[in-house]
Full PDB file with SEQRES, HELIX, SHEET, SSBOND, CRYST1, ORIGX, SCALE, CONECT and MASTER records, all heavy atoms in Angstrom:
SEQRES   1 A   34  GLY ASN SER SER SER ALA ILE VAL GLY LYS LYS GLY ARG          
SEQRES   2 A   34  SER LEU SER ARG LEU ALA MET THR THR GLY GLY LEU ALA          
SEQRES   3 A   34  GLN SER SER ALA TRP LEU TYR ARG                              
HELIX    1 AA1 LEU A   15  THR A   21  1                                   7    
HELIX    2 AA2 LEU A   25  TYR A   33  1                                   9    
SHEET    1 AA1 2 ALA A   6  ILE A   7  0                                        
SHEET    2 AA1 2 ARG A  13  SER A  14 -1                                        
CRYST1    1.000    1.000    1.000  90.00  90.00  90.00 P 1           1          
ORIGX1      1.000000  0.000000  0.000000        0.00000                         
ORIGX2      0.000000  1.000000  0.000000        0.00000                         
ORIGX3      0.000000  0.000000  1.000000        0.00000                         
SCALE1      1.000000  0.000000  0.000000        0.00000                         
SCALE2      0.000000  1.000000  0.000000        0.00000                         
SCALE3      0.000000  0.000000  1.000000        0.00000                         
ATOM      1  N   GLY A   1       0.831  -1.222  -0.015  1.00  0.00           N  
ATOM      2  CA  GLY A   1      -0.023  -0.014  -0.084  1.00  0.00           C  
ATOM      3  C   GLY A   1       0.957   1.300   0.082  1.00  0.00           C  
ATOM      4  O   GLY A   1       2.058   1.172  -0.265  1.00  0.00           O  
ATOM      5  N   ASN A   2       0.079   2.461   0.238  1.00  0.00           N  
ATOM      6  CA  ASN A   2       0.941   3.667   0.300  1.00  0.00           C  
ATOM      7  C   ASN A   2       0.156   4.699   0.907  1.00  0.00           C  
ATOM      8  O   ASN A   2      -1.155   4.576   1.096  1.00  0.00           O  
ATOM      9  CB  ASN A   2       1.183   4.114  -1.271  1.00  0.00           C  
ATOM     10  CG  ASN A   2      -0.101   4.417  -1.989  1.00  0.00           C  
ATOM     11  OD1 ASN A   2      -1.108   3.683  -2.094  1.00  0.00           O  
ATOM     12  ND2 ASN A   2      -0.123   5.714  -2.513  1.00  0.00           N  
ATOM     13  N   SER A   3       0.676   5.848   1.138  1.00  0.00           N  
ATOM     14  CA  SER A   3       0.110   7.055   1.554  1.00  0.00           C  
ATOM     15  C   SER A   3       0.994   8.177   1.125  1.00  0.00           C  
ATOM     16  O   SER A   3       2.138   8.385   1.602  1.00  0.00           O  
ATOM     17  CB  SER A   3      -0.005   7.150   3.126  1.00  0.00           C  
ATOM     18  OG  SER A   3      -0.744   8.259   3.518  1.00  0.00           O  
ATOM     19  N   SER A   4       0.488   8.915   0.116  1.00  0.00           N  
ATOM     20  CA  SER A   4       1.213  10.083  -0.498  1.00  0.00           C  
ATOM     21  C   SER A   4       0.847  11.149   0.256  1.00  0.00           C  
ATOM     22  O   SER A   4       0.170  12.183  -0.098  1.00  0.00           O  
ATOM     23  CB  SER A   4       0.793  10.157  -1.898  1.00  0.00           C  
ATOM     24  OG  SER A   4       1.818  10.987  -2.504  1.00  0.00           O  
ATOM     25  N   SER A   5       1.311  11.141   1.559  1.00  0.00           N  
ATOM     26  CA  SER A   5       1.060  12.330   2.570  1.00  0.00           C  
ATOM     27  C   SER A   5       2.262  12.455   3.422  1.00  0.00           C  
ATOM     28  O   SER A   5       3.218  11.722   3.367  1.00  0.00           O  
ATOM     29  CB  SER A   5      -0.141  12.014   3.434  1.00  0.00           C  
ATOM     30  OG  SER A   5       0.015  10.918   4.189  1.00  0.00           O  
ATOM     31  N   ALA A   6       2.390  13.571   4.117  1.00  0.00           N  
ATOM     32  CA  ALA A   6       3.441  13.843   4.965  1.00  0.00           C  
ATOM     33  C   ALA A   6       2.953  14.803   6.187  1.00  0.00           C  
ATOM     34  O   ALA A   6       1.920  15.334   6.100  1.00  0.00           O  
ATOM     35  CB  ALA A   6       4.555  14.524   4.248  1.00  0.00           C  
ATOM     36  N   ILE A   7       3.867  14.981   7.198  1.00  0.00           N  
ATOM     37  CA  ILE A   7       3.520  15.863   8.281  1.00  0.00           C  
ATOM     38  C   ILE A   7       4.204  17.253   7.913  1.00  0.00           C  
ATOM     39  O   ILE A   7       5.274  17.333   7.387  1.00  0.00           O  
ATOM     40  CB  ILE A   7       4.416  15.421   9.562  1.00  0.00           C  
ATOM     41  CG1 ILE A   7       3.953  13.919   9.933  1.00  0.00           C  
ATOM     42  CG2 ILE A   7       4.138  16.263  10.697  1.00  0.00           C  
ATOM     43  CD1 ILE A   7       2.444  13.744  10.221  1.00  0.00           C  
ATOM     44  N   VAL A   8       3.365  18.182   8.100  1.00  0.00           N  
ATOM     45  CA  VAL A   8       3.804  19.697   7.603  1.00  0.00           C  
ATOM     46  C   VAL A   8       3.888  20.510   8.890  1.00  0.00           C  
ATOM     47  O   VAL A   8       3.465  20.244   9.929  1.00  0.00           O  
ATOM     48  CB  VAL A   8       2.750  20.253   6.589  1.00  0.00           C  
ATOM     49  CG1 VAL A   8       2.653  19.327   5.301  1.00  0.00           C  
ATOM     50  CG2 VAL A   8       1.316  20.244   7.326  1.00  0.00           C  
ATOM     51  N   GLY A   9       4.483  21.715   8.728  1.00  0.00           N  
ATOM     52  CA  GLY A   9       4.688  22.562   9.734  1.00  0.00           C  
ATOM     53  C   GLY A   9       6.193  22.551  10.267  1.00  0.00           C  
ATOM     54  O   GLY A   9       7.073  22.130   9.543  1.00  0.00           O  
ATOM     55  N   LYS A  10       6.407  23.243  11.402  1.00  0.00           N  
ATOM     56  CA  LYS A  10       7.713  23.310  11.945  1.00  0.00           C  
ATOM     57  C   LYS A  10       8.456  21.926  12.085  1.00  0.00           C  
ATOM     58  O   LYS A  10       9.660  21.830  11.869  1.00  0.00           O  
ATOM     59  CB  LYS A  10       7.795  24.042  13.300  1.00  0.00           C  
ATOM     60  CG  LYS A  10       7.392  25.560  13.114  1.00  0.00           C  
ATOM     61  CD  LYS A  10       7.534  26.257  14.461  1.00  0.00           C  
ATOM     62  CE  LYS A  10       7.207  27.670  14.175  1.00  0.00           C  
ATOM     63  NZ  LYS A  10       7.249  28.484  15.598  1.00  0.00           N  
ATOM     64  N   LYS A  11       7.668  21.045  12.465  1.00  0.00           N  
ATOM     65  CA  LYS A  11       8.253  19.707  12.604  1.00  0.00           C  
ATOM     66  C   LYS A  11       7.900  18.775  11.444  1.00  0.00           C  
ATOM     67  O   LYS A  11       7.861  17.516  11.629  1.00  0.00           O  
ATOM     68  CB  LYS A  11       7.827  18.958  13.959  1.00  0.00           C  
ATOM     69  CG  LYS A  11       8.267  19.777  15.172  1.00  0.00           C  
ATOM     70  CD  LYS A  11       7.801  19.090  16.526  1.00  0.00           C  
ATOM     71  CE  LYS A  11       8.404  19.797  17.649  1.00  0.00           C  
ATOM     72  NZ  LYS A  11       7.935  19.144  18.975  1.00  0.00           N  
ATOM     73  N   GLY A  12       7.739  19.377  10.349  1.00  0.00           N  
ATOM     74  CA  GLY A  12       7.424  18.636   9.127  1.00  0.00           C  
ATOM     75  C   GLY A  12       8.425  17.488   8.820  1.00  0.00           C  
ATOM     76  O   GLY A  12       9.639  17.593   8.982  1.00  0.00           O  
ATOM     77  N   ARG A  13       7.910  16.454   8.329  1.00  0.00           N  
ATOM     78  CA  ARG A  13       8.789  15.271   7.960  1.00  0.00           C  
ATOM     79  C   ARG A  13       7.942  14.255   7.201  1.00  0.00           C  
ATOM     80  O   ARG A  13       6.751  14.235   7.249  1.00  0.00           O  
ATOM     81  CB  ARG A  13       9.286  14.603   9.137  1.00  0.00           C  
ATOM     82  CG  ARG A  13       8.350  14.081  10.198  1.00  0.00           C  
ATOM     83  CD  ARG A  13       8.957  13.886  11.550  1.00  0.00           C  
ATOM     84  NE  ARG A  13       9.565  14.985  12.104  1.00  0.00           N  
ATOM     85  CZ  ARG A  13      10.511  14.980  13.020  1.00  0.00           C  
ATOM     86  NH1 ARG A  13      11.126  13.894  13.393  1.00  0.00           N  
ATOM     87  NH2 ARG A  13      10.947  16.177  13.431  1.00  0.00           N  
ATOM     88  N   SER A  14       8.557  13.394   6.506  1.00  0.00           N  
ATOM     89  CA  SER A  14       7.863  12.253   5.847  1.00  0.00           C  
ATOM     90  C   SER A  14       7.442  11.283   6.809  1.00  0.00           C  
ATOM     91  O   SER A  14       7.806  11.321   7.902  1.00  0.00           O  
ATOM     92  CB  SER A  14       8.876  11.585   4.867  1.00  0.00           C  
ATOM     93  OG  SER A  14       9.885  10.881   5.533  1.00  0.00           O  
ATOM     94  N   LEU A  15       6.518  10.386   6.276  1.00  0.00           N  
ATOM     95  CA  LEU A  15       5.988   9.506   7.291  1.00  0.00           C  
ATOM     96  C   LEU A  15       6.930   8.411   7.618  1.00  0.00           C  
ATOM     97  O   LEU A  15       7.000   7.953   8.853  1.00  0.00           O  
ATOM     98  CB  LEU A  15       4.636   8.796   6.536  1.00  0.00           C  
ATOM     99  CG  LEU A  15       3.456   9.585   6.164  1.00  0.00           C  
ATOM    100  CD1 LEU A  15       2.389   8.807   5.655  1.00  0.00           C  
ATOM    101  CD2 LEU A  15       3.065  10.319   7.546  1.00  0.00           C  
ATOM    102  N   SER A  16       7.883   8.215   6.754  1.00  0.00           N  
ATOM    103  CA  SER A  16       8.961   7.161   7.064  1.00  0.00           C  
ATOM    104  C   SER A  16       9.885   7.724   8.299  1.00  0.00           C  
ATOM    105  O   SER A  16      10.227   7.019   9.104  1.00  0.00           O  
ATOM    106  CB  SER A  16       9.793   6.731   5.810  1.00  0.00           C  
ATOM    107  OG  SER A  16       9.098   5.950   5.011  1.00  0.00           O  
ATOM    108  N   ARG A  17      10.168   9.101   8.163  1.00  0.00           N  
ATOM    109  CA  ARG A  17      10.968   9.682   9.146  1.00  0.00           C  
ATOM    110  C   ARG A  17      10.307   9.776  10.474  1.00  0.00           C  
ATOM    111  O   ARG A  17      10.870   9.704  11.540  1.00  0.00           O  
ATOM    112  CB  ARG A  17      11.566  11.072   8.722  1.00  0.00           C  
ATOM    113  CG  ARG A  17      12.537  11.592   9.699  1.00  0.00           C  
ATOM    114  CD  ARG A  17      13.430  12.598   9.012  1.00  0.00           C  
ATOM    115  NE  ARG A  17      12.945  13.851   8.845  1.00  0.00           N  
ATOM    116  CZ  ARG A  17      12.972  14.947   9.490  1.00  0.00           C  
ATOM    117  NH1 ARG A  17      13.594  14.865  10.586  1.00  0.00           N  
ATOM    118  NH2 ARG A  17      12.470  16.026   9.116  1.00  0.00           N  
ATOM    119  N   LEU A  18       8.970   9.965  10.355  1.00  0.00           N  
ATOM    120  CA  LEU A  18       8.088  10.045  11.483  1.00  0.00           C  
ATOM    121  C   LEU A  18       8.105   8.669  12.142  1.00  0.00           C  
ATOM    122  O   LEU A  18       8.295   8.603  13.440  1.00  0.00           O  
ATOM    123  CB  LEU A  18       6.628  10.321  11.083  1.00  0.00           C  
ATOM    124  CG  LEU A  18       5.706  10.283  12.200  1.00  0.00           C  
ATOM    125  CD1 LEU A  18       5.749  11.398  13.238  1.00  0.00           C  
ATOM    126  CD2 LEU A  18       4.250  10.302  11.649  1.00  0.00           C  
ATOM    127  N   ALA A  19       8.105   7.518  11.415  1.00  0.00           N  
ATOM    128  CA  ALA A  19       8.226   6.293  12.033  1.00  0.00           C  
ATOM    129  C   ALA A  19       9.514   5.976  12.685  1.00  0.00           C  
ATOM    130  O   ALA A  19       9.567   5.392  13.680  1.00  0.00           O  
ATOM    131  CB  ALA A  19       7.833   5.060  10.939  1.00  0.00           C  
ATOM    132  N   MET A  20      10.665   6.531  12.097  1.00  0.00           N  
ATOM    133  CA  MET A  20      11.962   6.264  12.536  1.00  0.00           C  
ATOM    134  C   MET A  20      12.236   7.093  13.836  1.00  0.00           C  
ATOM    135  O   MET A  20      13.051   6.672  14.598  1.00  0.00           O  
ATOM    136  CB  MET A  20      12.936   6.741  11.531  1.00  0.00           C  
ATOM    137  CG  MET A  20      12.971   5.804  10.279  1.00  0.00           C  
ATOM    138  SD  MET A  20      14.207   6.383   9.189  1.00  0.00           S  
ATOM    139  CE  MET A  20      13.871   5.294   7.647  1.00  0.00           C  
ATOM    140  N   THR A  21      11.415   8.178  14.048  1.00  0.00           N  
ATOM    141  CA  THR A  21      11.778   9.047  15.168  1.00  0.00           C  
ATOM    142  C   THR A  21      10.770   9.022  16.206  1.00  0.00           C  
ATOM    143  O   THR A  21      10.914  10.050  17.153  1.00  0.00           O  
ATOM    144  CB  THR A  21      11.981  10.491  14.570  1.00  0.00           C  
ATOM    145  OG1 THR A  21      10.853  10.921  13.928  1.00  0.00           O  
ATOM    146  CG2 THR A  21      13.310  10.447  13.603  1.00  0.00           C  
ATOM    147  N   THR A  22       9.777   8.321  16.160  1.00  0.00           N  
ATOM    148  CA  THR A  22       8.773   8.414  17.207  1.00  0.00           C  
ATOM    149  C   THR A  22       8.604   7.036  17.891  1.00  0.00           C  
ATOM    150  O   THR A  22       8.581   5.979  17.281  1.00  0.00           O  
ATOM    151  CB  THR A  22       7.343   8.631  16.508  1.00  0.00           C  
ATOM    152  OG1 THR A  22       7.503   9.884  15.747  1.00  0.00           O  
ATOM    153  CG2 THR A  22       6.245   8.856  17.578  1.00  0.00           C  
ATOM    154  N   GLY A  23       8.545   7.068  19.206  1.00  0.00           N  
ATOM    155  CA  GLY A  23       8.544   5.843  19.948  1.00  0.00           C  
ATOM    156  C   GLY A  23       7.425   4.935  19.664  1.00  0.00           C  
ATOM    157  O   GLY A  23       6.208   5.471  19.602  1.00  0.00           O  
ATOM    158  N   GLY A  24       7.724   3.621  19.457  1.00  0.00           N  
ATOM    159  CA  GLY A  24       6.572   2.627  19.168  1.00  0.00           C  
ATOM    160  C   GLY A  24       6.365   2.492  17.553  1.00  0.00           C  
ATOM    161  O   GLY A  24       5.942   1.472  17.293  1.00  0.00           O  
ATOM    162  N   LEU A  25       6.551   3.589  16.927  1.00  0.00           N  
ATOM    163  CA  LEU A  25       6.206   3.502  15.342  1.00  0.00           C  
ATOM    164  C   LEU A  25       7.217   2.566  14.634  1.00  0.00           C  
ATOM    165  O   LEU A  25       6.742   1.905  13.744  1.00  0.00           O  
ATOM    166  CB  LEU A  25       6.060   4.834  14.793  1.00  0.00           C  
ATOM    167  CG  LEU A  25       4.957   5.611  15.348  1.00  0.00           C  
ATOM    168  CD1 LEU A  25       4.855   7.009  14.555  1.00  0.00           C  
ATOM    169  CD2 LEU A  25       3.627   5.063  15.348  1.00  0.00           C  
ATOM    170  N   ALA A  26       8.463   2.656  15.001  1.00  0.00           N  
ATOM    171  CA  ALA A  26       9.450   1.735  14.298  1.00  0.00           C  
ATOM    172  C   ALA A  26       9.070   0.303  14.577  1.00  0.00           C  
ATOM    173  O   ALA A  26       9.109  -0.553  13.712  1.00  0.00           O  
ATOM    174  CB  ALA A  26      10.850   2.121  14.802  1.00  0.00           C  
ATOM    175  N   GLN A  27       8.732  -0.041  15.844  1.00  0.00           N  
ATOM    176  CA  GLN A  27       8.346  -1.351  16.115  1.00  0.00           C  
ATOM    177  C   GLN A  27       7.159  -1.884  15.431  1.00  0.00           C  
ATOM    178  O   GLN A  27       7.025  -2.950  14.894  1.00  0.00           O  
ATOM    179  CB  GLN A  27       8.124  -1.547  17.678  1.00  0.00           C  
ATOM    180  CG  GLN A  27       9.314  -1.422  18.439  1.00  0.00           C  
ATOM    181  CD  GLN A  27       9.661  -0.026  18.865  1.00  0.00           C  
ATOM    182  OE1 GLN A  27       9.153   0.937  18.156  1.00  0.00           O  
ATOM    183  NE2 GLN A  27      10.619   0.102  19.722  1.00  0.00           N  
ATOM    184  N   SER A  28       6.087  -0.855  15.245  1.00  0.00           N  
ATOM    185  CA  SER A  28       4.974  -1.310  14.471  1.00  0.00           C  
ATOM    186  C   SER A  28       5.236  -1.406  12.986  1.00  0.00           C  
ATOM    187  O   SER A  28       4.777  -2.372  12.247  1.00  0.00           O  
ATOM    188  CB  SER A  28       3.880  -0.079  14.559  1.00  0.00           C  
ATOM    189  OG  SER A  28       3.352   0.082  15.892  1.00  0.00           O  
ATOM    190  N   SER A  29       6.114  -0.621  12.438  1.00  0.00           N  
ATOM    191  CA  SER A  29       6.628  -0.836  11.032  1.00  0.00           C  
ATOM    192  C   SER A  29       7.276  -2.234  10.773  1.00  0.00           C  
ATOM    193  O   SER A  29       7.059  -2.812   9.880  1.00  0.00           O  
ATOM    194  CB  SER A  29       7.473   0.251  10.619  1.00  0.00           C  
ATOM    195  OG  SER A  29       6.827   1.491  10.612  1.00  0.00           O  
ATOM    196  N   ALA A  30       8.180  -2.461  11.817  1.00  0.00           N  
ATOM    197  CA  ALA A  30       8.815  -3.939  11.720  1.00  0.00           C  
ATOM    198  C   ALA A  30       7.765  -5.015  11.892  1.00  0.00           C  
ATOM    199  O   ALA A  30       7.845  -6.088  11.169  1.00  0.00           O  
ATOM    200  CB  ALA A  30       9.833  -3.981  12.754  1.00  0.00           C  
ATOM    201  N   TRP A  31       6.777  -4.750  12.727  1.00  0.00           N  
ATOM    202  CA  TRP A  31       5.697  -5.777  12.902  1.00  0.00           C  
ATOM    203  C   TRP A  31       4.959  -6.092  11.745  1.00  0.00           C  
ATOM    204  O   TRP A  31       4.727  -7.162  11.318  1.00  0.00           O  
ATOM    205  CB  TRP A  31       4.799  -5.385  14.094  1.00  0.00           C  
ATOM    206  CG  TRP A  31       3.677  -6.184  14.433  1.00  0.00           C  
ATOM    207  CD1 TRP A  31       3.723  -7.392  14.999  1.00  0.00           C  
ATOM    208  CD2 TRP A  31       2.278  -5.975  14.084  1.00  0.00           C  
ATOM    209  NE1 TRP A  31       2.473  -7.954  15.196  1.00  0.00           N  
ATOM    210  CE2 TRP A  31       1.542  -7.110  14.578  1.00  0.00           C  
ATOM    211  CE3 TRP A  31       1.629  -5.006  13.352  1.00  0.00           C  
ATOM    212  CZ2 TRP A  31       0.090  -7.181  14.448  1.00  0.00           C  
ATOM    213  CZ3 TRP A  31       0.220  -5.013  13.268  1.00  0.00           C  
ATOM    214  CH2 TRP A  31      -0.529  -6.118  13.776  1.00  0.00           C  
ATOM    215  N   LEU A  32       4.588  -4.972  11.096  1.00  0.00           N  
ATOM    216  CA  LEU A  32       3.834  -5.157   9.710  1.00  0.00           C  
ATOM    217  C   LEU A  32       4.785  -5.748   8.820  1.00  0.00           C  
ATOM    218  O   LEU A  32       4.300  -6.708   7.871  1.00  0.00           O  
ATOM    219  CB  LEU A  32       3.381  -3.796   9.138  1.00  0.00           C  
ATOM    220  CG  LEU A  32       2.201  -3.128   9.670  1.00  0.00           C  
ATOM    221  CD1 LEU A  32       1.931  -1.896   8.885  1.00  0.00           C  
ATOM    222  CD2 LEU A  32       0.971  -4.044   9.667  1.00  0.00           C  
ATOM    223  N   TYR A  33       6.050  -5.433   8.638  1.00  0.00           N  
ATOM    224  CA  TYR A  33       6.879  -6.031   7.684  1.00  0.00           C  
ATOM    225  C   TYR A  33       6.983  -7.599   7.833  1.00  0.00           C  
ATOM    226  O   TYR A  33       7.010  -8.311   6.961  1.00  0.00           O  
ATOM    227  CB  TYR A  33       8.290  -5.407   7.739  1.00  0.00           C  
ATOM    228  CG  TYR A  33       9.255  -5.898   6.778  1.00  0.00           C  
ATOM    229  CD1 TYR A  33       9.281  -5.290   5.459  1.00  0.00           C  
ATOM    230  CD2 TYR A  33      10.384  -6.650   7.078  1.00  0.00           C  
ATOM    231  CE1 TYR A  33      10.165  -5.630   4.462  1.00  0.00           C  
ATOM    232  CE2 TYR A  33      11.314  -7.102   6.156  1.00  0.00           C  
ATOM    233  CZ  TYR A  33      11.237  -6.469   4.890  1.00  0.00           C  
ATOM    234  OH  TYR A  33      12.155  -6.937   3.970  1.00  0.00           O  
ATOM    235  N   ARG A  34       7.154  -8.005   9.186  1.00  0.00           N  
ATOM    236  CA  ARG A  34       7.216  -9.496   9.397  1.00  0.00           C  
ATOM    237  C   ARG A  34       5.821 -10.032   9.020  1.00  0.00           C  
ATOM    238  O   ARG A  34       5.866 -11.379   8.783  1.00  0.00           O  
ATOM    239  CB  ARG A  34       7.398  -9.633  10.909  1.00  0.00           C  
ATOM    240  CG  ARG A  34       8.718  -9.281  11.323  1.00  0.00           C  
ATOM    241  CD  ARG A  34       9.130  -9.907  12.751  1.00  0.00           C  
ATOM    242  NE  ARG A  34       8.330  -9.368  13.715  1.00  0.00           N  
ATOM    243  CZ  ARG A  34       8.371  -8.298  14.439  1.00  0.00           C  
ATOM    244  NH1 ARG A  34       9.505  -7.486  14.183  1.00  0.00           N  
ATOM    245  NH2 ARG A  34       7.534  -7.813  15.327  1.00  0.00           N  
TER     246      ARG A  34                                                      
MASTER        0    0    0    2    2    0    0    6  245    1    0    3          
END                                                                             
């Protein structure tokens, strides 16, 4: 799947960087991958 969206504003970032830098989201991404 996909989401062609991002976080905007002063702390703007891509969804992948959001996952890498937010507690619990990296684990969830790994869980989905598995």
